[in-house]
Amino acid sequence: MDNIKDAIRKLAQQDGETVALVCTVDAVDKKARTIDCTPVNEGAPLLGVNLQANQSSDFGLVIYPEKEAFVVVGFMADGAAGLMLATDKIESAEMVIGETAAVIDAEGIRLKTAQMSADINKSDIIFNGGKLDGLVVIQKLTDKLNELKDTVNSLINAYNNHTHITTATVGTGPAGTISPTTSKAQTAKPFKKSDYENTKIKQ
């Protein structure tokens, strides 16, 4: 609180052109992007204090203070409308730059670009609406694929080592001879997560 007061004193010393007051927030109007607040020096309440330089903008950076938060409100000597310069408690913040938008609040962060979106909350990270279900856990996928590889290799080894008894009789030869497998199948190689892992996205 003392740091805020010191900053206000410095602002007020600049040729008397700028005046700033410390206030507490009474109400926040997100649609209008304004706040109502009361100076801590018990002055008259301030209504419709702007939260950004151009109140009618729908882009740029807007910080919404919490109700009852301390804020610094600045005024120009020409009587222009008040503008919130700082706050100690933030309820949410919105930033819009071109086609990229971000909203941050106690629930998390929501990001949106022209073609993608990400919603990071307390328990989930949802990309592009979550229509493709969850991300693969790379090590678990690798373990499952290697289990399948082991099963396939067991079958291949059984085939390669198999011998069978022929039943054909040629001339005066024996009626049954042992014949090994004449062609060998190649065993499957182990799976490595580096074969399919995208290291630019981690969890």
C-alpha atoms as a PDB file:
ATOM      1  CA  MET A   1       0.000   0.000   0.000  1.00  0.00           C
ATOM      2  CA  ASP A   2       2.874   2.390   0.839  1.00  0.00           C
ATOM      3  CA  ASN A   3       4.472   1.722  -2.548  1.00  0.00           C
ATOM      4  CA  ILE A   4       1.244   2.721  -4.321  1.00  0.00           C
ATOM      5  CA  LYS A   5       1.019   5.946  -2.304  1.00  0.00           C
ATOM      6  CA  ASP A   6       4.625   6.823  -3.157  1.00  0.00           C
ATOM      7  CA  ALA A   7       3.918   6.292  -6.853  1.00  0.00           C
ATOM      8  CA  ILE A   8       0.875   8.573  -6.626  1.00  0.00           C
ATOM      9  CA  ARG A   9       2.903  11.362  -5.010  1.00  0.00           C
ATOM     10  CA  LYS A  10       5.423  11.214  -7.858  1.00  0.00           C
ATOM     11  CA  LEU A  11       2.654  11.370 -10.461  1.00  0.00           C
ATOM     12  CA  ALA A  12       1.064  14.347  -8.763  1.00  0.00           C
ATOM     13  CA  GLN A  13       4.322  16.322  -8.796  1.00  0.00           C
ATOM     14  CA  GLN A  14       4.615  16.561 -12.593  1.00  0.00           C
ATOM     15  CA  ASP A  15       3.681  20.216 -13.158  1.00  0.00           C
ATOM     16  CA  GLY A  16       0.197  19.607 -11.810  1.00  0.00           C
ATOM     17  CA  GLU A  17      -0.934  18.157 -15.147  1.00  0.00           C
ATOM     18  CA  THR A  18      -1.801  14.714 -13.815  1.00  0.00           C
ATOM     19  CA  VAL A  19      -3.678  13.784 -10.669  1.00  0.00           C
ATOM     20  CA  ALA A  20      -4.000  10.242  -9.353  1.00  0.00           C
ATOM     21  CA  LEU A  21      -6.064   8.778  -6.546  1.00  0.00           C
ATOM     22  CA  VAL A  22      -6.023   5.494  -4.683  1.00  0.00           C
ATOM     23  CA  CYS A  23      -9.509   3.992  -4.610  1.00  0.00           C
ATOM     24  CA  THR A  24     -11.307   0.791  -3.719  1.00  0.00           C
ATOM     25  CA  VAL A  25     -13.447  -0.870  -6.362  1.00  0.00           C
ATOM     26  CA  ASP A  26     -17.210  -0.836  -5.789  1.00  0.00           C
ATOM     27  CA  ALA A  27     -18.367  -2.412  -9.073  1.00  0.00           C
ATOM     28  CA  VAL A  28     -16.931  -3.761 -12.334  1.00  0.00           C
ATOM     29  CA  ASP A  29     -18.758  -3.491 -15.671  1.00  0.00           C
ATOM     30  CA  LYS A  30     -17.047  -5.851 -18.125  1.00  0.00           C
ATOM     31  CA  LYS A  31     -19.362  -4.966 -20.978  1.00  0.00           C
ATOM     32  CA  ALA A  32     -18.624  -1.248 -20.706  1.00  0.00           C
ATOM     33  CA  ARG A  33     -15.040  -1.902 -19.539  1.00  0.00           C
ATOM     34  CA  THR A  34     -15.392   0.488 -16.617  1.00  0.00           C
ATOM     35  CA  ILE A  35     -15.354   0.438 -12.837  1.00  0.00           C
ATOM     36  CA  ASP A  36     -17.023   2.436 -10.086  1.00  0.00           C
ATOM     37  CA  CYS A  37     -14.754   3.147  -7.136  1.00  0.00           C
ATOM     38  CA  THR A  38     -14.405   5.223  -3.988  1.00  0.00           C
ATOM     39  CA  PRO A  39     -11.236   7.172  -3.077  1.00  0.00           C
ATOM     40  CA  VAL A  40      -9.575   6.030   0.140  1.00  0.00           C
ATOM     41  CA  ASN A  41      -9.408   9.692   1.213  1.00  0.00           C
ATOM     42  CA  GLU A  42     -13.218   9.504   1.517  1.00  0.00           C
ATOM     43  CA  GLY A  43     -13.778  11.717  -1.501  1.00  0.00           C
ATOM     44  CA  ALA A  44     -16.813  11.443  -3.762  1.00  0.00           C
ATOM     45  CA  PRO A  45     -17.250   8.094  -5.571  1.00  0.00           C
ATOM     46  CA  LEU A  46     -15.900   7.894  -9.117  1.00  0.00           C
ATOM     47  CA  LEU A  47     -18.279   6.389 -11.662  1.00  0.00           C
ATOM     48  CA  GLY A  48     -17.459   4.943 -15.059  1.00  0.00           C
ATOM     49  CA  VAL A  49     -13.671   4.921 -14.715  1.00  0.00           C
ATOM     50  CA  ASN A  50     -12.196   3.509 -17.927  1.00  0.00           C
ATOM     51  CA  LEU A  51     -10.150   0.317 -17.882  1.00  0.00           C
ATOM     52  CA  GLN A  52      -8.296   1.120 -21.106  1.00  0.00           C
ATOM     53  CA  ALA A  53      -7.342   4.247 -23.009  1.00  0.00           C
ATOM     54  CA  ASN A  54     -10.054   3.769 -25.647  1.00  0.00           C
ATOM     55  CA  GLN A  55     -13.128   2.527 -23.844  1.00  0.00           C
ATOM     56  CA  SER A  56     -14.916   1.530 -27.056  1.00  0.00           C
ATOM     57  CA  SER A  57     -12.099  -0.766 -28.233  1.00  0.00           C
ATOM     58  CA  ASP A  58     -12.562  -4.517 -28.424  1.00  0.00           C
ATOM     59  CA  PHE A  59      -8.817  -5.214 -28.729  1.00  0.00           C
ATOM     60  CA  GLY A  60      -5.653  -4.505 -26.782  1.00  0.00           C
ATOM     61  CA  LEU A  61      -5.142  -5.306 -23.089  1.00  0.00           C
ATOM     62  CA  VAL A  62      -7.842  -4.949 -20.426  1.00  0.00           C
ATOM     63  CA  ILE A  63      -7.318  -5.802 -16.756  1.00  0.00           C
ATOM     64  CA  TYR A  64     -10.436  -6.280 -14.639  1.00  0.00           C
ATOM     65  CA  PRO A  65      -9.798  -5.714 -10.922  1.00  0.00           C
ATOM     66  CA  GLU A  66     -11.549  -7.623  -8.195  1.00  0.00           C
ATOM     67  CA  LYS A  67     -14.352  -5.937  -6.295  1.00  0.00           C
ATOM     68  CA  GLU A  68     -12.915  -4.133  -3.215  1.00  0.00           C
ATOM     69  CA  ALA A  69      -9.415  -4.189  -4.738  1.00  0.00           C
ATOM     70  CA  PHE A  70      -7.186  -1.133  -4.426  1.00  0.00           C
ATOM     71  CA  VAL A  71      -6.699   0.713  -7.706  1.00  0.00           C
ATOM     72  CA  VAL A  72      -4.841   3.803  -8.859  1.00  0.00           C
ATOM     73  CA  VAL A  73      -7.023   6.117 -10.959  1.00  0.00           C
ATOM     74  CA  GLY A  74      -5.408   8.834 -13.032  1.00  0.00           C
ATOM     75  CA  PHE A  75      -6.961  12.083 -14.333  1.00  0.00           C
ATOM     76  CA  MET A  76      -5.675  14.629 -16.826  1.00  0.00           C
ATOM     77  CA  ALA A  77      -5.885  18.315 -15.932  1.00  0.00           C
ATOM     78  CA  ASP A  78      -8.236  18.958 -18.851  1.00  0.00           C
ATOM     79  CA  GLY A  79     -10.946  17.009 -17.071  1.00  0.00           C
ATOM     80  CA  ALA A  80     -10.752  13.866 -19.198  1.00  0.00           C
ATOM     81  CA  ALA A  81     -12.437  10.744 -17.857  1.00  0.00           C
ATOM     82  CA  GLY A  82     -10.543   8.786 -15.229  1.00  0.00           C
ATOM     83  CA  LEU A  83      -8.421   5.798 -16.239  1.00  0.00           C
ATOM     84  CA  MET A  84      -7.371   2.906 -14.011  1.00  0.00           C
ATOM     85  CA  LEU A  85      -3.573   2.853 -13.969  1.00  0.00           C
ATOM     86  CA  ALA A  86      -2.919  -0.079 -11.618  1.00  0.00           C
ATOM     87  CA  THR A  87      -4.600  -2.585  -9.307  1.00  0.00           C
ATOM     88  CA  ASP A  88      -3.423  -4.892  -6.548  1.00  0.00           C
ATOM     89  CA  LYS A  89      -5.923  -7.720  -7.216  1.00  0.00           C
ATOM     90  CA  ILE A  90      -6.876  -8.937 -10.689  1.00  0.00           C
ATOM     91  CA  GLU A  91     -10.129 -10.779 -11.343  1.00  0.00           C
ATOM     92  CA  SER A  92      -9.284 -11.429 -15.001  1.00  0.00           C
ATOM     93  CA  ALA A  93      -7.330 -10.058 -17.930  1.00  0.00           C
ATOM     94  CA  GLU A  94      -8.055 -10.068 -21.650  1.00  0.00           C
ATOM     95  CA  MET A  95      -5.627  -9.463 -24.483  1.00  0.00           C
ATOM     96  CA  VAL A  96      -6.477  -9.271 -28.187  1.00  0.00           C
ATOM     97  CA  ILE A  97      -3.756  -8.827 -30.808  1.00  0.00           C
ATOM     98  CA  GLY A  98      -4.991  -9.225 -34.369  1.00  0.00           C
ATOM     99  CA  GLU A  99      -6.661 -12.645 -34.628  1.00  0.00           C
ATOM    100  CA  THR A 100      -5.049 -13.905 -31.410  1.00  0.00           C
ATOM    101  CA  ALA A 101      -6.917 -13.591 -28.101  1.00  0.00           C
ATOM    102  CA  ALA A 102      -6.132 -14.673 -24.539  1.00  0.00           C
ATOM    103  CA  VAL A 103      -8.223 -14.605 -21.355  1.00  0.00           C
ATOM    104  CA  ILE A 104      -6.668 -15.292 -17.947  1.00  0.00           C
ATOM    105  CA  ASP A 105      -8.554 -15.708 -14.688  1.00  0.00           C
ATOM    106  CA  ALA A 106      -8.598 -17.920 -11.591  1.00  0.00           C
ATOM    107  CA  GLU A 107     -10.033 -20.813 -13.622  1.00  0.00           C
ATOM    108  CA  GLY A 108      -7.122 -20.889 -16.080  1.00  0.00           C
ATOM    109  CA  ILE A 109      -6.070 -19.581 -19.477  1.00  0.00           C
ATOM    110  CA  ARG A 110      -8.023 -19.614 -22.738  1.00  0.00           C
ATOM    111  CA  LEU A 111      -6.123 -18.975 -25.955  1.00  0.00           C
ATOM    112  CA  LYS A 112      -7.558 -18.607 -29.438  1.00  0.00           C
ATOM    113  CA  THR A 113      -5.945 -17.940 -32.798  1.00  0.00           C
ATOM    114  CA  ALA A 114      -7.438 -17.866 -36.293  1.00  0.00           C
ATOM    115  CA  GLN A 115      -7.271 -21.664 -36.603  1.00  0.00           C
ATOM    116  CA  MET A 116      -6.506 -23.107 -33.157  1.00  0.00           C
ATOM    117  CA  SER A 117      -7.555 -22.873 -29.517  1.00  0.00           C
ATOM    118  CA  ALA A 118      -6.321 -24.073 -26.128  1.00  0.00           C
ATOM    119  CA  ASP A 119      -8.173 -24.107 -22.813  1.00  0.00           C
ATOM    120  CA  ILE A 120      -5.867 -24.632 -19.818  1.00  0.00           C
ATOM    121  CA  ASN A 121      -7.849 -25.062 -16.616  1.00  0.00           C
ATOM    122  CA  LYS A 122      -7.176 -26.557 -13.186  1.00  0.00           C
ATOM    123  CA  SER A 123      -7.460 -30.169 -14.320  1.00  0.00           C
ATOM    124  CA  ASP A 124      -7.338 -30.303 -18.143  1.00  0.00           C
ATOM    125  CA  ILE A 125      -5.681 -28.893 -21.237  1.00  0.00           C
ATOM    126  CA  ILE A 126      -8.111 -28.953 -24.157  1.00  0.00           C
ATOM    127  CA  PHE A 127      -6.907 -28.255 -27.693  1.00  0.00           C
ATOM    128  CA  ASN A 128      -9.322 -27.237 -30.446  1.00  0.00           C
ATOM    129  CA  GLY A 129     -12.413 -28.251 -28.485  1.00  0.00           C
ATOM    130  CA  GLY A 130     -11.151 -31.723 -27.547  1.00  0.00           C
ATOM    131  CA  LYS A 131     -12.865 -33.488 -30.467  1.00  0.00           C
ATOM    132  CA  LEU A 132      -9.924 -35.859 -31.018  1.00  0.00           C
ATOM    133  CA  ASP A 133      -9.974 -37.202 -27.425  1.00  0.00           C
ATOM    134  CA  GLY A 134      -6.890 -37.335 -25.195  1.00  0.00           C
ATOM    135  CA  LEU A 135      -3.238 -37.144 -26.154  1.00  0.00           C
ATOM    136  CA  VAL A 136      -1.264 -40.365 -26.320  1.00  0.00           C
ATOM    137  CA  VAL A 137       0.960 -41.177 -23.334  1.00  0.00           C
ATOM    138  CA  ILE A 138       4.094 -42.018 -25.288  1.00  0.00           C
ATOM    139  CA  GLN A 139       5.711 -44.491 -22.883  1.00  0.00           C
ATOM    140  CA  LYS A 140       2.473 -46.440 -22.353  1.00  0.00           C
ATOM    141  CA  LEU A 141       1.968 -46.650 -26.123  1.00  0.00           C
ATOM    142  CA  THR A 142       5.560 -47.864 -26.551  1.00  0.00           C
ATOM    143  CA  ASP A 143       5.076 -50.538 -23.859  1.00  0.00           C
ATOM    144  CA  LYS A 144       1.860 -51.792 -25.480  1.00  0.00           C
ATOM    145  CA  LEU A 145       3.431 -51.918 -28.940  1.00  0.00           C
ATOM    146  CA  ASN A 146       6.393 -53.862 -27.581  1.00  0.00           C
ATOM    147  CA  GLU A 147       4.005 -56.344 -25.923  1.00  0.00           C
ATOM    148  CA  LEU A 148       2.467 -56.880 -29.346  1.00  0.00           C
ATOM    149  CA  LYS A 149       5.956 -57.191 -30.868  1.00  0.00           C
ATOM    150  CA  ASP A 150       6.861 -59.899 -28.339  1.00  0.00           C
ATOM    151  CA  THR A 151       3.708 -61.859 -29.185  1.00  0.00           C
ATOM    152  CA  VAL A 152       4.377 -61.625 -32.931  1.00  0.00           C
ATOM    153  CA  ASN A 153       8.006 -62.653 -32.459  1.00  0.00           C
ATOM    154  CA  SER A 154       6.938 -65.690 -30.418  1.00  0.00           C
ATOM    155  CA  LEU A 155       4.757 -66.796 -33.330  1.00  0.00           C
ATOM    156  CA  ILE A 156       7.572 -66.132 -35.817  1.00  0.00           C
ATOM    157  CA  ASN A 157      10.079 -68.113 -33.754  1.00  0.00           C
ATOM    158  CA  ALA A 158       7.628 -70.995 -33.427  1.00  0.00           C
ATOM    159  CA  TYR A 159       7.169 -70.967 -37.201  1.00  0.00           C
ATOM    160  CA  ASN A 160      10.902 -70.754 -37.909  1.00  0.00           C
ATOM    161  CA  ASN A 161      11.722 -73.651 -35.554  1.00  0.00           C
ATOM    162  CA  HIS A 162       8.829 -75.840 -36.603  1.00  0.00           C
ATOM    163  CA  THR A 163       9.438 -79.254 -38.167  1.00  0.00           C
ATOM    164  CA  HIS A 164       6.737 -81.449 -39.575  1.00  0.00           C
ATOM    165  CA  ILE A 165       6.407 -85.070 -40.692  1.00  0.00           C
ATOM    166  CA  THR A 166       5.710 -85.638 -44.347  1.00  0.00           C
ATOM    167  CA  THR A 167       3.178 -88.244 -45.310  1.00  0.00           C
ATOM    168  CA  ALA A 168       4.171 -88.699 -48.925  1.00  0.00           C
ATOM    169  CA  THR A 169       5.984 -91.910 -49.932  1.00  0.00           C
ATOM    170  CA  VAL A 170       8.451 -91.777 -52.772  1.00  0.00           C
ATOM    171  CA  GLY A 171       9.694 -95.116 -54.192  1.00  0.00           C
ATOM    172  CA  THR A 172      10.944 -97.363 -51.427  1.00  0.00           C
ATOM    173  CA  GLY A 173      11.638 -94.483 -49.020  1.00  0.00           C
ATOM    174  CA  PRO A 174      10.106 -94.270 -45.594  1.00  0.00           C
ATOM    175  CA  ALA A 175       6.511 -93.278 -45.273  1.00  0.00           C
ATOM    176  CA  GLY A 176       7.274 -90.412 -42.877  1.00  0.00           C
ATOM    177  CA  THR A 177      10.278 -88.095 -42.849  1.00  0.00           C
ATOM    178  CA  ILE A 178      10.955 -85.014 -40.714  1.00  0.00           C
ATOM    179  CA  SER A 179      11.113 -81.859 -42.786  1.00  0.00           C
ATOM    180  CA  PRO A 180      12.248 -78.522 -41.286  1.00  0.00           C
ATOM    181  CA  THR A 181      10.796 -75.176 -42.348  1.00  0.00           C
ATOM    182  CA  THR A 182      12.606 -74.150 -45.499  1.00  0.00           C
ATOM    183  CA  SER A 183      11.971 -70.370 -45.298  1.00  0.00           C
ATOM    184  CA  LYS A 184      12.567 -68.192 -42.259  1.00  0.00           C
ATOM    185  CA  ALA A 185      10.400 -65.207 -41.238  1.00  0.00           C
ATOM    186  CA  GLN A 186      12.089 -62.058 -39.908  1.00  0.00           C
ATOM    187  CA  THR A 187      11.340 -61.074 -36.310  1.00  0.00           C
ATOM    188  CA  ALA A 188       9.870 -57.637 -35.571  1.00  0.00           C
ATOM    189  CA  LYS A 189      12.156 -54.945 -34.204  1.00  0.00           C
ATOM    190  CA  PRO A 190      11.473 -53.185 -30.871  1.00  0.00           C
ATOM    191  CA  PHE A 191       9.489 -49.932 -30.936  1.00  0.00           C
ATOM    192  CA  LYS A 192      11.226 -46.733 -29.826  1.00  0.00           C
ATOM    193  CA  LYS A 193       9.240 -43.671 -28.781  1.00  0.00           C
ATOM    194  CA  SER A 194      11.636 -41.472 -30.758  1.00  0.00           C
ATOM    195  CA  ASP A 195      10.151 -43.041 -33.919  1.00  0.00           C
ATOM    196  CA  TYR A 196       6.831 -41.233 -33.371  1.00  0.00           C
ATOM    197  CA  GLU A 197       7.197 -38.741 -30.498  1.00  0.00           C
ATOM    198  CA  ASN A 198       6.669 -35.020 -31.135  1.00  0.00           C
ATOM    199  CA  THR A 199       9.057 -33.448 -28.623  1.00  0.00           C
ATOM    200  CA  LYS A 200       7.699 -29.936 -29.239  1.00  0.00           C
ATOM    201  CA  ILE A 201       4.504 -30.765 -27.271  1.00  0.00           C
ATOM    202  CA  LYS A 202       5.083 -32.297 -23.851  1.00  0.00           C
ATOM    203  CA  GLN A 203       2.854 -33.273 -20.959  1.00  0.00           C
END
